[in-house]
Structure formats: structure tokens, C-alpha cells
Protein backbone atom coordinates (compact mmCIF):
# COMPACT_ATOMS: atom_id res chain seq x y z
CA UNK A 1 3.15 -21.18 8.39
CA UNK A 2 -0.34 -21.32 9.56
CA UNK A 3 0.47 -24.53 11.46
CA UNK A 4 2.70 -22.31 13.84
CA UNK A 5 0.56 -19.73 15.62
CA UNK A 6 3.64 -17.95 17.03
CA UNK A 7 4.04 -17.00 13.15
CA UNK A 8 0.99 -14.77 12.80
CA UNK A 9 -1.73 -12.49 14.50
CA UNK A 10 -5.33 -13.05 13.16
CA UNK A 11 -7.87 -10.37 13.99
CA UNK A 12 -10.90 -8.74 12.49
CA UNK A 13 -10.01 -5.47 10.69
CA UNK A 14 -13.24 -4.03 12.64
CA UNK A 15 -14.74 -5.06 15.68
CA UNK A 16 -18.19 -6.25 14.27
CA UNK A 17 -19.36 -9.85 14.30
CA UNK A 18 -21.89 -10.71 11.41
CA UNK A 19 -22.34 -13.44 8.87
CA UNK A 20 -23.36 -10.95 6.28
CA UNK A 21 -21.57 -7.63 6.01
CA UNK A 22 -24.24 -6.29 4.27
CA UNK A 23 -26.10 -6.17 7.51
CA UNK A 24 -23.97 -3.55 8.60
CA UNK A 25 -25.72 -0.46 7.46
CA UNK A 26 -26.58 2.90 8.28
CA UNK A 27 -24.55 6.03 9.24
CA UNK A 28 -24.05 5.02 12.88
CA UNK A 29 -22.41 1.54 11.94
CA UNK A 30 -20.36 3.20 9.30
CA UNK A 31 -18.98 5.66 11.77
CA UNK A 32 -18.29 3.26 14.40
CA UNK A 33 -16.55 0.92 11.81
CA UNK A 34 -14.35 3.71 10.77
CA UNK A 35 -13.78 4.46 14.46
CA UNK A 36 -12.74 0.91 15.24
CA UNK A 37 -10.35 0.62 12.34
CA UNK A 38 -8.33 2.94 14.34
CA UNK A 39 -7.53 0.15 16.95
CA UNK A 40 -6.41 -2.21 14.13
CA UNK A 41 -3.97 0.60 12.91
CA UNK A 42 -2.76 0.70 16.52
CA UNK A 43 -2.31 -3.07 16.88
CA UNK A 44 -0.48 -2.85 13.46
CA UNK A 45 1.83 -0.21 14.86
CA UNK A 46 2.50 -2.13 17.95
CA UNK A 47 3.34 -5.50 16.33
CA UNK A 48 4.83 -4.10 13.01
CA UNK A 49 4.25 -7.42 10.95
CA UNK A 50 6.14 -7.99 7.91
CA UNK A 51 2.84 -8.68 5.88
CA UNK A 52 -0.80 -7.96 6.26
CA UNK A 53 -3.61 -10.33 4.36
CA UNK A 54 -6.68 -8.63 4.20
CA UNK A 55 -9.70 -11.19 3.84
CA UNK A 56 -12.52 -9.65 1.84
CA UNK A 57 -10.27 -7.73 -0.59
CA UNK A 58 -11.18 -4.23 -1.06
CA UNK A 59 -13.67 -4.38 1.62
CA UNK A 60 -10.82 -4.63 4.15
CA UNK A 61 -7.99 -3.01 2.42
CA UNK A 62 -9.67 0.21 1.67
CA UNK A 63 -10.26 0.53 5.53
CA UNK A 64 -6.67 0.36 6.16
CA UNK A 65 -4.63 1.45 2.98
CA UNK A 66 -5.34 4.55 0.99
CA UNK A 67 -4.40 3.38 -2.28
CA UNK A 68 -4.39 -0.24 -3.57
CA UNK A 69 -3.67 -1.73 -7.07
CA UNK A 70 -4.47 -5.22 -8.49
CA UNK A 71 -1.52 -7.80 -8.71
CA UNK A 72 -3.11 -10.20 -10.78
CA UNK A 73 -6.15 -9.40 -12.65
CA UNK A 74 -9.79 -8.52 -11.81
CA UNK A 75 -10.78 -12.38 -12.34
CA UNK A 76 -8.52 -13.44 -9.62
CA UNK A 77 -8.53 -10.87 -6.71
CA UNK A 78 -5.25 -9.96 -4.99
CA UNK A 79 -4.96 -6.19 -4.38
CA UNK A 80 -1.79 -4.66 -2.82
CA UNK A 81 -1.08 -1.58 -0.95
CA UNK A 82 1.22 -0.40 2.02
CA UNK A 83 0.51 0.88 5.37
CA UNK A 84 3.75 2.52 6.72
CA UNK A 85 6.46 0.29 5.05
CA UNK A 86 4.41 -3.06 5.60
CA UNK A 87 2.86 -4.54 2.36
CA UNK A 88 -0.87 -5.49 2.44
CA UNK A 89 -2.51 -7.87 0.42
CA UNK A 90 -6.26 -8.12 -0.04
CA UNK A 91 -7.67 -11.63 -1.31
CA UNK A 92 -11.14 -12.70 -1.34
CA UNK A 93 -12.64 -13.97 2.07
CA UNK A 94 -11.76 -17.75 2.30
CA UNK A 95 -15.31 -18.39 3.15
CA UNK A 96 -16.19 -17.52 -0.35
CA UNK A 97 -16.01 -19.89 -3.29
CA UNK A 98 -12.36 -20.45 -4.69
CA UNK A 99 -11.60 -22.49 -7.63
CA UNK A 100 -8.42 -24.72 -7.31
CA UNK A 101 -6.71 -22.48 -9.97
CA UNK A 102 -7.46 -19.15 -7.96
CA UNK A 103 -6.21 -20.91 -4.93
CA UNK A 104 -3.16 -21.87 -6.48
CA UNK A 105 -2.50 -18.60 -8.60
CA UNK A 106 -2.92 -16.57 -5.13
CA UNK A 107 -1.01 -18.81 -3.13
CA UNK A 108 2.16 -18.58 -5.53
CA UNK A 109 1.73 -14.88 -5.94
CA UNK A 110 1.77 -14.49 -2.13
CA UNK A 111 4.62 -16.93 -1.71
CA UNK A 112 6.61 -14.97 -4.37
CA UNK A 113 5.62 -11.84 -2.81
CA UNK A 114 6.79 -12.86 0.74
CA UNK A 115 9.95 -13.97 -0.40
CA UNK A 116 10.57 -10.75 -2.03
CA UNK A 117 9.75 -8.75 1.03
């Protein structure tokens, strides 16, 4: 699926570029971040994707989904929520360390979830 760019849209949830999310501090930044997420929600409404994967887990899903729940465990992060009727999956950012077991488990869980959806 990731080999065919016509099959997915890749975007940042918020429009801030930083190597470390912890650099985004302060009331003004948080306010602007919450404002910019509205553009992402409008994009979601326009393209109405079948699924959404949030890299960064709850740091991403909590911005676009009101309630999430873990699908696997707290050891392997895979959170689930919905925006409208679209399933949203939150996983650790792919730039973080993933063991081969975590990759396999999350990959299988997402594959199964996508086939069910």
C-alpha cells in the first residue's frame, strides 16, 4: 500500500516543523497548534479517508479524537478512536525505536483492523 502514493495522503496533524515536539512550549504555541488542527480536520472531511494512522500515538490522536482506547496493551502502543465514522489508529512515531516484535504485532493488528473496517 505504501508503494503506491495514490493510495494514501501523508500530512502533519499540526503545521509545525520541529525535530523535538518538546520544543513546542508556551501558551501561544499550544493555542496555534489547536487552531491548526482545525485545518487537518477540514482535510479529513474533504478527502474522507477509510482509515487514519496517527504517528506519535496519543500526542496525535488526542488532537483529533475525543476518546481513544488501547487496542493491544500499554507495552505496544496501538490506540483506537473515531472521527465521524473514520477509524483512527495511534501508534508510536516510526522515528522512535521499534523492536521487530512490536512492528510485527502492530502491523498484523492494523492489517486485521483494515480488513474489518
